[in-house]
Amino acid sequence: MKKFNVWSFHISWIVLVIGIPILIIFSELFKTPSDTWQHIYETLLADYVVNTIFLVLGVSILTLVFGVSSAWIIATTNLPFKRAFEWLLIIPIAIPSYINGIAYAGLLDYAGPIRTFLRSINSDNYYFDIANAWGVIFVMSSVLFPYVYITARSAFINQSGRLLEASRSLGSSSFRSFYKIALPIARPAIVSGLMLVIMEVLNDYGTVKYYGVTTFTTGIFRSWLSMGDLQSAVYLSSMLMGVVFLSIMIERLQRGKAKYESKSKTELNLRNDTGLKLWLKVGICLVPIILGFIIPLLQLLYWAFFSIEKIITSEFINFGINSFLLAGGAAVIIVSISVLLNYSTRIQQSKFWTGISKISILGYSVPGAVIAVGIMVIIIGIDRSLISWLENSFDIKIKLLITGSIGALLYAYLVRYFAVGFGPIEAGFKKIPLSLNQAASSLGSGPLKNLFKINLPLLKTSILSALILVFVDVMKELPLTLILRPFNFETLATIAFQYANDEMAPESAPASLLIILIGMIPVILLNRLMASDETSS
């Protein structure tokens, strides 16, 4: 470890600031639980545990089915309109789960098109009730499967074609070759995508709340916002964090030291299927696209057609401005600190400080509601200290409670989405030869001058990518914003959810469509990056 200097200081304060809300959650566990916690423990906790585990397992299975099957077909088969399929299979990720849930609930509602049609043919007794845990699994899986599809497709494409050809030459069927060879080799990549899916399921509040399914996240909201008991929210948050970290540990342990990689990178020979087999594969790829993007988009467009004139007012424009300013501010803060942290570790050239810096990205694995509770503990602590100081200094009695602020929101976004900005910046720095900085230093150029004159110009693409990714994630964020926003402060995400929660789903469509439109930007960038990677390989 190199001596402690200004660059070590930068690494230390960044990691500490980002880690404080999580440390707060752990520290609060040592306090005596409240009477409300006893009620939650005896009557509600079992439902939270069972429902959360059920949703995680159900969504995991369905996303694996959608993601792995479509990835294998795209990677190994010449399909009609293959380039279009490659892009369309990623695009459902642009729709937040809660917006997808609102769309499907409206589609299958009593006044929706399906029930209306069934009544017209006297068959209204036959319909699917989606407002339950099974419906949540379907709604989430149909927009989260691209996480698995992206990682699985990349793994399949980078496999050696010789292994599969050898398997087929020995008489193995295509399915057996896939199951025995391709799937085990791609397993680490698939599991990494699945872990992102699980994180999203544990973080979700909008979908489960709208469908009436009680989970840890809804319990955290209920404990704090309905019961006014922060301590119970802390206890539930710590248990949810335990589930997250246990999932990560299980994945790491069962992977072990296996690397599952092939040294030979011969290209896969694409299959030229015809007839029924070809169209069956086309159908397998079409199903998740239709379920995860086309159907909810059509429902939202239908609603928007009737509600847009009533909704698009100066107030709605203010909601959009709030969203853009919050997302833009968070993106600038996160990317700026990411550049500083990555550059500090680059200057240090120390495994110790590099390892310390990685702690800062753990916030992405922590559900937003948990981070919000940790920050609320900090805010309330500051409030109480401020009240005590004012009362003692000026001999007055005041009541002050900051339930939310823009600063708290930006801080929460920093903790939650720092990994999103950190990743592209880290990748960008790795592409810059260290010798450039060393050569400049030998000519008398200092570290700061090297950063602004050499590194930042070479990081333009990485910085732009990081800004876009953070911006879009913050635009879609719901749990953090609902808890920490100032009074009467709405964003596109919160207003879309509020309309739907108030039985005004059609009015939520304009805000939802705008969120989806913005969410498609990183999807397009991601597809281009994947295409360029395949070409280079």
Protein backbone atom coordinates (compact mmCIF):
# COMPACT_ATOMS: atom_id res chain seq x y z
CA MET A 1 0.00 0.00 0.00
CA LYS A 2 1.34 3.41 -0.97
CA LYS A 3 1.50 6.18 1.61
CA PHE A 4 -1.64 8.14 2.39
CA ASN A 5 -1.82 11.23 0.18
CA VAL A 6 -4.40 13.47 -1.48
CA TRP A 7 -5.42 10.70 -3.92
CA SER A 8 -5.87 8.23 -1.06
CA PHE A 9 -7.98 10.88 0.64
CA HIS A 10 -10.24 11.18 -2.42
CA ILE A 11 -10.76 7.41 -2.50
CA SER A 12 -11.50 7.32 1.23
CA TRP A 13 -14.07 10.12 1.37
CA ILE A 14 -15.93 8.91 -1.74
CA VAL A 15 -16.23 5.36 -0.41
CA LEU A 16 -17.22 6.64 3.04
CA VAL A 17 -19.90 9.03 1.74
CA ILE A 18 -21.45 6.36 -0.47
CA GLY A 19 -21.30 3.70 2.25
CA ILE A 20 -22.74 5.75 5.13
CA PRO A 21 -26.46 4.95 4.53
CA ILE A 22 -25.71 1.23 4.46
CA LEU A 23 -23.59 1.47 7.63
CA ILE A 24 -26.42 3.41 9.27
CA ILE A 25 -28.84 0.55 8.59
CA PHE A 26 -26.51 -1.92 10.30
CA SER A 27 -25.89 0.37 13.27
CA GLU A 28 -29.62 0.89 13.87
CA LEU A 29 -30.07 -2.86 14.30
CA PHE A 30 -28.49 -2.67 17.74
CA LYS A 31 -31.31 -0.47 19.03
CA THR A 32 -34.31 -1.94 20.84
CA PRO A 33 -37.17 -2.76 18.45
CA SER A 34 -40.44 -0.87 18.80
CA ASP A 35 -43.92 -2.20 19.58
CA THR A 36 -44.78 -1.84 15.91
CA TRP A 37 -41.99 -4.23 15.02
CA GLN A 38 -43.48 -6.85 17.31
CA HIS A 39 -46.79 -6.52 15.42
CA ILE A 40 -45.01 -6.80 12.05
CA TYR A 41 -42.99 -9.79 13.25
CA GLU A 42 -46.04 -11.70 14.47
CA THR A 43 -48.56 -10.93 11.71
CA LEU A 44 -46.86 -9.66 8.53
CA LEU A 45 -43.25 -10.81 8.32
CA ALA A 46 -44.09 -14.33 7.13
CA ASP A 47 -46.01 -12.91 4.16
CA TYR A 48 -43.15 -10.57 3.32
CA VAL A 49 -40.66 -13.45 3.30
CA VAL A 50 -42.80 -15.94 1.40
CA ASN A 51 -43.98 -13.47 -1.24
CA THR A 52 -40.50 -12.04 -1.82
CA ILE A 53 -38.94 -15.48 -2.25
CA PHE A 54 -41.82 -16.59 -4.48
CA LEU A 55 -41.41 -13.55 -6.75
CA VAL A 56 -37.64 -13.98 -6.97
CA LEU A 57 -37.94 -17.67 -7.92
CA GLY A 58 -40.81 -17.12 -10.36
CA VAL A 59 -39.23 -14.17 -12.16
CA SER A 60 -35.86 -15.98 -12.27
CA ILE A 61 -37.36 -19.02 -13.98
CA LEU A 62 -39.39 -17.07 -16.53
CA THR A 63 -36.58 -14.65 -17.41
CA LEU A 64 -34.25 -17.61 -17.92
CA VAL A 65 -36.76 -19.23 -20.27
CA PHE A 66 -37.29 -16.04 -22.29
CA GLY A 67 -33.70 -14.80 -22.19
CA VAL A 68 -31.67 -17.97 -22.73
CA SER A 69 -33.90 -19.46 -25.45
CA SER A 70 -33.99 -16.27 -27.52
CA ALA A 71 -30.25 -15.66 -27.01
CA TRP A 72 -29.38 -19.17 -28.22
CA ILE A 73 -31.56 -18.84 -31.31
CA ILE A 74 -30.15 -15.41 -32.21
CA ALA A 75 -26.56 -16.61 -31.68
CA THR A 76 -26.83 -19.84 -33.70
CA THR A 77 -29.54 -19.41 -36.36
CA ASN A 78 -30.00 -17.37 -39.53
CA LEU A 79 -33.42 -15.86 -38.88
CA PRO A 80 -35.42 -13.61 -41.18
CA PHE A 81 -34.94 -9.98 -40.03
CA LYS A 82 -32.26 -11.12 -37.60
CA ARG A 83 -30.84 -7.62 -37.05
CA ALA A 84 -34.29 -6.37 -36.10
CA PHE A 85 -34.73 -9.22 -33.62
CA GLU A 86 -31.36 -8.45 -32.01
CA TRP A 87 -32.55 -4.92 -31.25
CA LEU A 88 -36.16 -5.72 -30.41
CA LEU A 89 -35.19 -8.36 -27.84
CA ILE A 90 -33.34 -5.69 -25.85
CA ILE A 91 -35.96 -2.95 -26.07
CA PRO A 92 -38.44 -4.26 -23.40
CA ILE A 93 -35.87 -3.22 -20.79
CA ALA A 94 -36.79 0.40 -21.59
CA ILE A 95 -40.20 -0.14 -19.93
CA PRO A 96 -40.07 0.06 -16.10
CA SER A 97 -41.80 -2.84 -14.38
CA TYR A 98 -44.39 -0.65 -12.69
CA ILE A 99 -45.41 0.95 -16.02
CA ASN A 100 -45.71 -2.49 -17.60
CA GLY A 101 -47.86 -3.54 -14.65
CA ILE A 102 -50.15 -0.53 -15.07
CA ALA A 103 -50.56 -1.26 -18.78
CA TYR A 104 -51.44 -4.93 -18.30
CA ALA A 105 -53.81 -4.17 -15.43
CA GLY A 106 -55.68 -1.78 -17.71
CA LEU A 107 -55.66 -4.24 -20.58
CA LEU A 108 -57.28 -6.94 -18.43
CA ASP A 109 -59.50 -4.61 -16.42
CA TYR A 110 -63.30 -4.88 -16.51
CA ALA A 111 -63.46 -1.89 -18.87
CA GLY A 112 -60.41 -3.02 -20.83
CA PRO A 113 -60.51 -4.31 -24.41
CA ILE A 114 -60.18 -8.00 -23.54
CA ARG A 115 -62.99 -8.08 -20.97
CA THR A 116 -65.14 -5.88 -23.23
CA PHE A 117 -64.68 -8.34 -26.09
CA LEU A 118 -65.45 -11.31 -23.84
CA ARG A 119 -68.68 -9.68 -22.70
CA SER A 120 -69.67 -9.10 -26.31
CA ILE A 121 -69.55 -12.86 -26.93
CA ASN A 122 -71.07 -13.74 -23.52
CA SER A 123 -67.81 -15.26 -22.24
CA ASP A 124 -66.88 -12.83 -19.47
CA ASN A 125 -66.56 -15.71 -17.01
CA TYR A 126 -63.31 -16.67 -18.74
CA TYR A 127 -60.67 -14.10 -17.98
CA PHE A 128 -57.26 -13.89 -16.32
CA ASP A 129 -57.00 -12.04 -13.01
CA ILE A 130 -53.54 -10.48 -13.16
CA ALA A 131 -53.63 -8.59 -9.84
CA ASN A 132 -51.77 -11.22 -7.82
CA ALA A 133 -48.28 -12.66 -7.32
CA TRP A 134 -48.49 -14.68 -10.56
CA GLY A 135 -49.34 -11.51 -12.43
CA VAL A 136 -46.36 -9.71 -10.87
CA ILE A 137 -44.07 -12.53 -12.00
CA PHE A 138 -45.37 -12.27 -15.57
CA VAL A 139 -45.23 -8.47 -15.69
CA MET A 140 -41.68 -8.27 -14.30
CA SER A 141 -40.32 -11.15 -16.37
CA SER A 142 -41.61 -9.71 -19.64
CA VAL A 143 -39.47 -6.56 -19.21
CA LEU A 144 -36.52 -7.92 -17.21
CA PHE A 145 -35.56 -10.89 -19.42
CA PRO A 146 -33.23 -8.70 -21.59
CA TYR A 147 -30.72 -8.70 -18.69
CA VAL A 148 -30.35 -12.46 -19.19
CA TYR A 149 -30.66 -12.25 -22.99
CA ILE A 150 -27.80 -9.73 -23.30
CA THR A 151 -25.30 -11.67 -21.20
CA ALA A 152 -26.33 -15.08 -22.60
CA ARG A 153 -26.16 -13.91 -26.22
CA SER A 154 -22.68 -12.49 -25.71
CA ALA A 155 -21.52 -15.71 -24.06
CA PHE A 156 -22.95 -17.93 -26.81
CA ILE A 157 -21.44 -15.82 -29.59
CA ASN A 158 -17.98 -15.92 -27.98
CA GLN A 159 -17.98 -19.69 -27.58
CA SER A 160 -15.85 -21.91 -29.76
CA GLY A 161 -17.71 -23.31 -32.74
CA ARG A 162 -15.41 -26.35 -32.77
CA LEU A 163 -16.83 -27.70 -29.51
CA LEU A 164 -20.39 -27.67 -30.81
CA GLU A 165 -19.38 -29.07 -34.20
CA ALA A 166 -17.49 -31.90 -32.48
CA SER A 167 -20.55 -32.65 -30.37
CA ARG A 168 -22.80 -32.79 -33.41
CA SER A 169 -20.35 -34.96 -35.34
CA LEU A 170 -20.50 -37.48 -32.49
CA GLY A 171 -24.25 -37.77 -32.93
CA SER A 172 -25.56 -35.32 -30.34
CA SER A 173 -28.74 -33.49 -31.20
CA SER A 174 -28.83 -29.71 -31.26
CA PHE A 175 -30.65 -29.63 -27.93
CA ARG A 176 -28.18 -32.03 -26.30
CA SER A 177 -25.21 -29.98 -27.57
CA PHE A 178 -26.86 -26.87 -26.15
CA TYR A 179 -27.66 -28.46 -22.80
CA LYS A 180 -24.40 -30.36 -22.27
CA ILE A 181 -21.84 -27.93 -23.76
CA ALA A 182 -23.06 -24.43 -24.59
CA LEU A 183 -25.16 -23.87 -21.45
CA PRO A 184 -22.47 -24.89 -18.90
CA ILE A 185 -19.87 -22.71 -20.64
CA ALA A 186 -22.24 -19.72 -20.66
CA ARG A 187 -23.46 -20.30 -17.10
CA PRO A 188 -21.39 -17.57 -15.35
CA ALA A 189 -22.56 -14.96 -17.85
CA ILE A 190 -26.18 -16.09 -17.56
CA VAL A 191 -26.04 -16.03 -13.77
CA SER A 192 -24.56 -12.51 -13.79
CA GLY A 193 -27.54 -11.36 -15.86
CA LEU A 194 -29.90 -13.23 -13.56
CA MET A 195 -28.42 -11.48 -10.52
CA LEU A 196 -29.35 -8.13 -12.06
CA VAL A 197 -32.89 -9.44 -12.51
CA ILE A 198 -33.05 -10.49 -8.85
CA MET A 199 -31.79 -7.06 -7.75
CA GLU A 200 -34.56 -5.42 -9.77
CA VAL A 201 -37.21 -7.72 -8.25
CA LEU A 202 -36.05 -6.95 -4.72
CA ASN A 203 -35.95 -3.22 -5.49
CA ASP A 204 -39.43 -3.05 -7.04
CA TYR A 205 -42.17 -1.18 -5.22
CA GLY A 206 -44.53 0.15 -7.89
CA THR A 207 -45.60 -3.19 -9.38
CA VAL A 208 -46.12 -5.08 -6.13
CA LYS A 209 -47.94 -2.14 -4.54
CA TYR A 210 -50.24 -1.71 -7.53
CA TYR A 211 -51.01 -5.44 -7.66
CA GLY A 212 -51.55 -5.72 -3.90
CA VAL A 213 -48.69 -8.15 -3.19
CA THR A 214 -46.92 -7.59 0.14
CA THR A 215 -43.12 -7.84 0.02
CA PHE A 216 -40.20 -6.47 2.01
CA THR A 217 -40.27 -3.27 -0.06
CA THR A 218 -43.97 -2.59 0.54
CA GLY A 219 -43.38 -3.38 4.22
CA ILE A 220 -40.62 -0.76 4.40
CA PHE A 221 -42.92 1.85 2.85
CA ARG A 222 -45.80 0.90 5.14
CA SER A 223 -43.64 0.98 8.27
CA TRP A 224 -42.28 4.44 7.56
CA LEU A 225 -45.00 6.28 5.62
CA SER A 226 -48.13 4.70 7.15
CA MET A 227 -47.04 3.69 10.66
CA GLY A 228 -44.43 6.41 11.11
CA ASP A 229 -42.03 3.86 12.61
CA LEU A 230 -38.54 4.30 11.21
CA GLN A 231 -37.07 1.60 13.44
CA SER A 232 -39.33 -1.09 11.95
CA ALA A 233 -38.42 0.13 8.47
CA VAL A 234 -34.75 -0.23 9.44
CA TYR A 235 -35.27 -3.80 10.63
CA LEU A 236 -37.05 -4.77 7.41
CA SER A 237 -34.35 -3.01 5.38
CA SER A 238 -31.61 -4.97 7.10
CA MET A 239 -33.40 -8.24 6.40
CA LEU A 240 -33.79 -7.31 2.75
CA MET A 241 -30.10 -6.42 2.57
CA GLY A 242 -29.37 -9.83 4.06
CA VAL A 243 -31.35 -11.49 1.27
CA VAL A 244 -29.41 -9.48 -1.34
CA PHE A 245 -25.96 -10.25 0.04
CA LEU A 246 -26.87 -13.91 0.65
CA SER A 247 -27.89 -14.22 -3.02
CA ILE A 248 -24.58 -12.72 -4.11
CA MET A 249 -22.59 -15.02 -1.80
CA ILE A 250 -24.43 -18.15 -2.97
CA GLU A 251 -23.73 -17.25 -6.60
CA ARG A 252 -20.03 -16.65 -5.87
CA LEU A 253 -19.64 -19.86 -3.85
CA GLN A 254 -21.39 -22.13 -6.34
CA ARG A 255 -19.33 -20.65 -9.18
CA GLY A 256 -16.13 -21.35 -7.26
CA LYS A 257 -12.97 -20.89 -9.29
CA ALA A 258 -14.43 -22.24 -12.50
CA LYS A 259 -13.87 -19.96 -15.47
CA TYR A 260 -15.85 -21.77 -18.17
CA GLU A 261 -14.03 -20.36 -21.11
CA SER A 262 -12.71 -21.71 -24.37
CA LYS A 263 -9.30 -20.69 -25.66
CA SER A 264 -10.33 -21.38 -29.24
CA LYS A 265 -12.57 -18.64 -30.59
CA THR A 266 -13.68 -20.17 -33.88
CA GLU A 267 -16.98 -18.74 -35.05
CA LEU A 268 -20.23 -20.63 -34.67
CA ASN A 269 -21.65 -22.00 -37.89
CA LEU A 270 -25.13 -20.49 -38.12
CA ARG A 271 -27.92 -22.94 -38.78
CA ASN A 272 -30.08 -22.43 -41.87
CA ASP A 273 -33.34 -23.96 -40.67
CA THR A 274 -36.40 -24.02 -42.91
CA GLY A 275 -40.10 -24.74 -42.66
CA LEU A 276 -41.81 -25.36 -39.34
CA LYS A 277 -38.56 -25.46 -37.35
CA LEU A 278 -37.54 -22.01 -38.57
CA TRP A 279 -40.91 -20.43 -37.85
CA LEU A 280 -41.03 -22.07 -34.43
CA LYS A 281 -37.77 -20.30 -33.58
CA VAL A 282 -39.13 -17.04 -34.96
CA GLY A 283 -42.17 -17.50 -32.73
CA ILE A 284 -40.01 -18.14 -29.65
CA CYS A 285 -38.22 -14.83 -30.26
CA LEU A 286 -41.43 -12.95 -31.05
CA VAL A 287 -43.32 -13.96 -27.90
CA PRO A 288 -41.21 -11.99 -25.37
CA ILE A 289 -41.09 -8.97 -27.74
CA ILE A 290 -44.88 -8.94 -28.06
CA LEU A 291 -45.49 -9.51 -24.35
CA GLY A 292 -42.77 -7.19 -23.07
CA PHE A 293 -42.99 -4.27 -25.48
CA ILE A 294 -45.66 -4.27 -28.18
CA ILE A 295 -48.74 -5.03 -26.04
CA PRO A 296 -47.98 -2.57 -23.20
CA LEU A 297 -46.89 0.10 -25.70
CA LEU A 298 -50.15 -0.21 -27.66
CA GLN A 299 -52.18 0.00 -24.45
CA LEU A 300 -50.32 3.15 -23.34
CA LEU A 301 -50.71 4.74 -26.79
CA TYR A 302 -54.45 3.98 -26.69
CA TRP A 303 -54.78 5.64 -23.30
CA ALA A 304 -52.63 8.61 -24.34
CA PHE A 305 -54.84 9.25 -27.37
CA PHE A 306 -57.79 10.00 -25.07
CA SER A 307 -55.98 11.64 -22.15
CA ILE A 308 -53.11 13.64 -23.62
CA GLU A 309 -55.06 16.91 -24.08
CA LYS A 310 -56.25 16.82 -20.49
CA ILE A 311 -52.87 15.86 -19.01
CA ILE A 312 -50.37 17.95 -20.99
CA THR A 313 -50.63 21.14 -18.97
CA SER A 314 -48.13 23.57 -17.48
CA GLU A 315 -48.16 21.42 -14.35
CA PHE A 316 -47.22 18.31 -16.35
CA ILE A 317 -44.41 20.25 -18.02
CA ASN A 318 -43.13 21.13 -14.53
CA PHE A 319 -43.11 17.43 -13.66
CA GLY A 320 -41.00 16.78 -16.75
CA ILE A 321 -38.63 19.63 -15.85
CA ASN A 322 -38.30 18.22 -12.32
CA SER A 323 -37.38 14.81 -13.76
CA PHE A 324 -34.87 16.22 -16.24
CA LEU A 325 -33.19 18.46 -13.66
CA LEU A 326 -32.95 15.67 -11.09
CA ALA A 327 -31.69 13.11 -13.60
CA GLY A 328 -29.27 15.59 -15.18
CA GLY A 329 -27.93 16.77 -11.82
CA ALA A 330 -27.49 13.20 -10.57
CA ALA A 331 -25.75 12.19 -13.79
CA VAL A 332 -23.26 15.07 -13.60
CA ILE A 333 -22.51 14.44 -9.91
CA ILE A 334 -22.11 10.67 -10.30
CA VAL A 335 -19.96 10.84 -13.43
CA SER A 336 -17.74 13.60 -11.98
CA ILE A 337 -17.10 11.60 -8.80
CA SER A 338 -16.59 8.43 -10.89
CA VAL A 339 -13.88 10.16 -12.89
CA LEU A 340 -12.21 11.39 -9.70
CA LEU A 341 -12.34 7.95 -8.04
CA ASN A 342 -11.06 6.08 -11.09
CA TYR A 343 -8.28 8.60 -11.66
CA SER A 344 -7.28 8.46 -7.98
CA THR A 345 -6.92 4.67 -8.08
CA ARG A 346 -5.00 5.01 -11.37
CA ILE A 347 -2.55 7.41 -9.71
CA GLN A 348 -2.17 5.17 -6.66
CA GLN A 349 -1.48 1.97 -8.64
CA SER A 350 -2.22 -0.03 -5.51
CA LYS A 351 -4.25 -3.23 -5.19
CA PHE A 352 -5.33 -2.11 -1.72
CA TRP A 353 -6.81 1.21 -2.87
CA THR A 354 -8.28 -0.39 -5.98
CA GLY A 355 -10.07 -2.89 -3.73
CA ILE A 356 -11.28 -0.11 -1.42
CA SER A 357 -12.66 1.81 -4.41
CA LYS A 358 -14.78 -1.19 -5.43
CA ILE A 359 -16.80 -0.87 -2.22
CA SER A 360 -18.39 2.24 -3.70
CA ILE A 361 -20.31 0.24 -6.31
CA LEU A 362 -22.08 -2.01 -3.80
CA GLY A 363 -24.95 0.47 -3.53
CA TYR A 364 -26.38 -0.80 -6.81
CA SER A 365 -27.03 -4.17 -5.20
CA VAL A 366 -28.97 -2.52 -2.35
CA PRO A 367 -32.70 -1.86 -2.98
CA GLY A 368 -33.67 1.80 -3.27
CA ALA A 369 -36.07 1.64 -0.33
CA VAL A 370 -33.23 0.46 1.93
CA ILE A 371 -30.96 3.34 0.84
CA ALA A 372 -33.83 5.79 1.37
CA VAL A 373 -34.37 4.54 4.92
CA GLY A 374 -30.64 4.91 5.69
CA ILE A 375 -30.67 8.48 4.41
CA MET A 376 -33.85 9.27 6.36
CA VAL A 377 -32.06 8.19 9.55
CA ILE A 378 -29.27 10.65 8.71
CA ILE A 379 -31.72 13.47 7.93
CA ILE A 380 -33.72 12.95 11.12
CA GLY A 381 -30.49 12.85 13.14
CA ILE A 382 -29.43 16.18 11.62
CA ASP A 383 -32.89 17.63 12.26
CA ARG A 384 -32.85 16.65 15.92
CA SER A 385 -29.37 18.07 16.40
CA LEU A 386 -30.44 21.30 14.70
CA ILE A 387 -33.61 21.56 16.79
CA SER A 388 -31.65 20.98 19.99
CA TRP A 389 -29.10 23.65 19.06
CA LEU A 390 -31.75 26.21 18.12
CA GLU A 391 -33.80 25.61 21.25
CA ASN A 392 -30.78 25.83 23.54
CA SER A 393 -29.30 28.85 21.76
CA PHE A 394 -32.44 30.95 21.40
CA ASP A 395 -34.65 29.52 24.14
CA ILE A 396 -37.49 28.70 21.73
CA LYS A 397 -39.65 25.69 21.08
CA ILE A 398 -39.82 24.55 17.45
CA LYS A 399 -40.92 21.54 15.48
CA LEU A 400 -38.83 20.79 12.42
CA LEU A 401 -38.74 17.67 10.37
CA ILE A 402 -37.25 17.53 6.91
CA THR A 403 -39.05 14.59 5.37
CA GLY A 404 -37.39 15.07 2.02
CA SER A 405 -35.25 17.45 0.00
CA ILE A 406 -33.57 17.73 -3.37
CA GLY A 407 -30.19 17.30 -1.69
CA ALA A 408 -31.34 14.07 -0.05
CA LEU A 409 -32.64 12.78 -3.39
CA LEU A 410 -29.39 13.54 -5.19
CA TYR A 411 -27.43 11.89 -2.40
CA ALA A 412 -29.65 8.80 -2.64
CA TYR A 413 -29.16 8.63 -6.40
CA LEU A 414 -25.40 8.88 -5.86
CA VAL A 415 -25.42 5.89 -3.51
CA ARG A 416 -27.82 3.80 -5.62
CA TYR A 417 -26.50 4.48 -9.12
CA PHE A 418 -22.81 5.17 -8.61
CA ALA A 419 -21.96 1.77 -10.10
CA VAL A 420 -23.83 2.71 -13.30
CA GLY A 421 -21.54 5.69 -13.87
CA PHE A 422 -18.44 4.01 -12.47
CA GLY A 423 -18.45 1.08 -14.92
CA PRO A 424 -18.14 2.96 -18.25
CA ILE A 425 -15.56 5.37 -16.78
CA GLU A 426 -13.48 2.48 -15.43
CA ALA A 427 -13.61 0.75 -18.83
CA GLY A 428 -12.58 4.00 -20.51
CA PHE A 429 -9.55 4.47 -18.24
CA LYS A 430 -8.41 0.89 -18.94
CA LYS A 431 -8.17 1.74 -22.65
CA ILE A 432 -5.81 4.66 -21.96
CA PRO A 433 -2.17 3.48 -21.77
CA LEU A 434 -0.59 4.37 -18.44
CA SER A 435 2.55 5.31 -20.36
CA LEU A 436 0.81 8.47 -21.61
CA ASN A 437 0.52 9.82 -18.07
CA GLN A 438 4.02 8.67 -17.20
CA ALA A 439 5.48 10.40 -20.24
CA ALA A 440 3.65 13.63 -19.44
CA SER A 441 4.79 13.47 -15.80
CA SER A 442 8.41 13.04 -16.89
CA LEU A 443 8.04 16.31 -18.81
CA GLY A 444 6.90 18.13 -15.69
CA SER A 445 3.13 17.88 -16.08
CA GLY A 446 1.26 17.40 -12.79
CA PRO A 447 -1.55 14.87 -12.12
CA LEU A 448 -4.36 17.43 -12.46
CA LYS A 449 -2.99 18.77 -15.72
CA ASN A 450 -2.68 15.19 -17.00
CA LEU A 451 -6.32 14.57 -16.09
CA PHE A 452 -7.66 17.58 -17.98
CA LYS A 453 -5.23 17.60 -20.90
CA ILE A 454 -4.82 13.86 -21.57
CA ASN A 455 -7.39 11.64 -19.86
CA LEU A 456 -10.63 13.62 -20.13
CA PRO A 457 -10.35 14.19 -23.92
CA LEU A 458 -9.81 10.44 -24.38
CA LEU A 459 -12.76 9.65 -22.09
CA LYS A 460 -15.38 11.60 -24.04
CA THR A 461 -17.25 8.51 -25.28
CA SER A 462 -17.14 6.79 -21.88
CA ILE A 463 -18.32 9.94 -20.09
CA LEU A 464 -21.20 10.39 -22.54
CA SER A 465 -22.24 6.74 -22.13
CA ALA A 466 -22.11 7.03 -18.34
CA LEU A 467 -24.13 10.27 -18.36
CA ILE A 468 -26.86 8.71 -20.51
CA LEU A 469 -27.08 5.50 -18.47
CA VAL A 470 -27.33 7.34 -15.14
CA PHE A 471 -29.79 9.87 -16.56
CA VAL A 472 -32.17 7.17 -17.77
CA ASP A 473 -31.98 5.11 -14.56
CA VAL A 474 -32.77 8.15 -12.42
CA MET A 475 -35.67 9.10 -14.73
CA LYS A 476 -37.25 5.70 -14.08
CA GLU A 477 -36.50 5.51 -10.35
CA LEU A 478 -39.59 5.23 -8.13
CA PRO A 479 -38.98 3.95 -4.55
CA LEU A 480 -36.20 6.41 -3.68
CA THR A 481 -38.08 9.35 -5.14
CA LEU A 482 -41.37 8.50 -3.42
CA ILE A 483 -39.74 8.40 0.02
CA LEU A 484 -37.27 11.31 -0.20
CA ARG A 485 -38.94 13.85 -2.50
CA PRO A 486 -39.95 17.20 -1.01
CA PHE A 487 -43.61 17.83 -0.24
CA ASN A 488 -45.70 18.37 -3.40
CA PHE A 489 -42.71 17.58 -5.60
CA GLU A 490 -43.52 15.18 -8.44
CA THR A 491 -41.51 13.61 -11.25
CA LEU A 492 -42.70 11.74 -14.34
CA ALA A 493 -42.19 8.43 -12.52
CA THR A 494 -44.06 9.45 -9.36
CA ILE A 495 -46.93 11.12 -11.20
CA ALA A 496 -47.42 8.11 -13.48
CA PHE A 497 -47.59 5.85 -10.42
CA GLN A 498 -49.84 8.24 -8.49
CA TYR A 499 -52.36 8.46 -11.35
CA ALA A 500 -52.52 4.68 -11.62
CA ASN A 501 -52.74 4.25 -7.85
CA ASP A 502 -55.67 6.69 -7.79
CA GLU A 503 -57.57 4.58 -10.34
CA MET A 504 -56.69 7.01 -13.16
CA ALA A 505 -54.53 4.68 -15.26
CA PRO A 506 -55.25 6.37 -18.65
CA GLU A 507 -53.92 9.65 -17.25
CA SER A 508 -50.62 7.93 -16.44
CA ALA A 509 -49.96 7.13 -20.11
CA PRO A 510 -48.31 10.40 -21.30
CA ALA A 511 -45.73 10.36 -18.48
CA SER A 512 -45.16 6.62 -18.97
CA LEU A 513 -44.60 7.00 -22.71
CA LEU A 514 -42.10 9.80 -22.17
CA ILE A 515 -40.15 7.64 -19.68
CA ILE A 516 -40.14 4.75 -22.19
CA LEU A 517 -39.01 7.01 -25.03
CA ILE A 518 -36.07 8.28 -22.97
CA GLY A 519 -35.33 4.73 -21.80
CA MET A 520 -34.88 3.58 -25.39
CA ILE A 521 -31.76 5.75 -25.81
CA PRO A 522 -29.36 3.44 -23.88
CA VAL A 523 -31.00 0.43 -25.54
CA ILE A 524 -29.99 1.77 -28.95
CA LEU A 525 -26.47 2.52 -27.69
CA LEU A 526 -26.19 -0.93 -26.12
CA ASN A 527 -27.26 -2.66 -29.31
CA ARG A 528 -24.64 -0.72 -31.29
CA LEU A 529 -21.94 -1.63 -28.80
CA MET A 530 -22.89 -5.32 -28.95
CA ALA A 531 -22.89 -5.22 -32.76
CA SER A 532 -19.43 -3.63 -32.82
CA ASP A 533 -18.11 -6.19 -30.33
CA GLU A 534 -19.39 -9.05 -32.49
CA THR A 535 -17.79 -7.52 -35.58
CA SER A 536 -14.44 -7.05 -33.85
CA SER A 537 -14.47 -10.58 -32.48
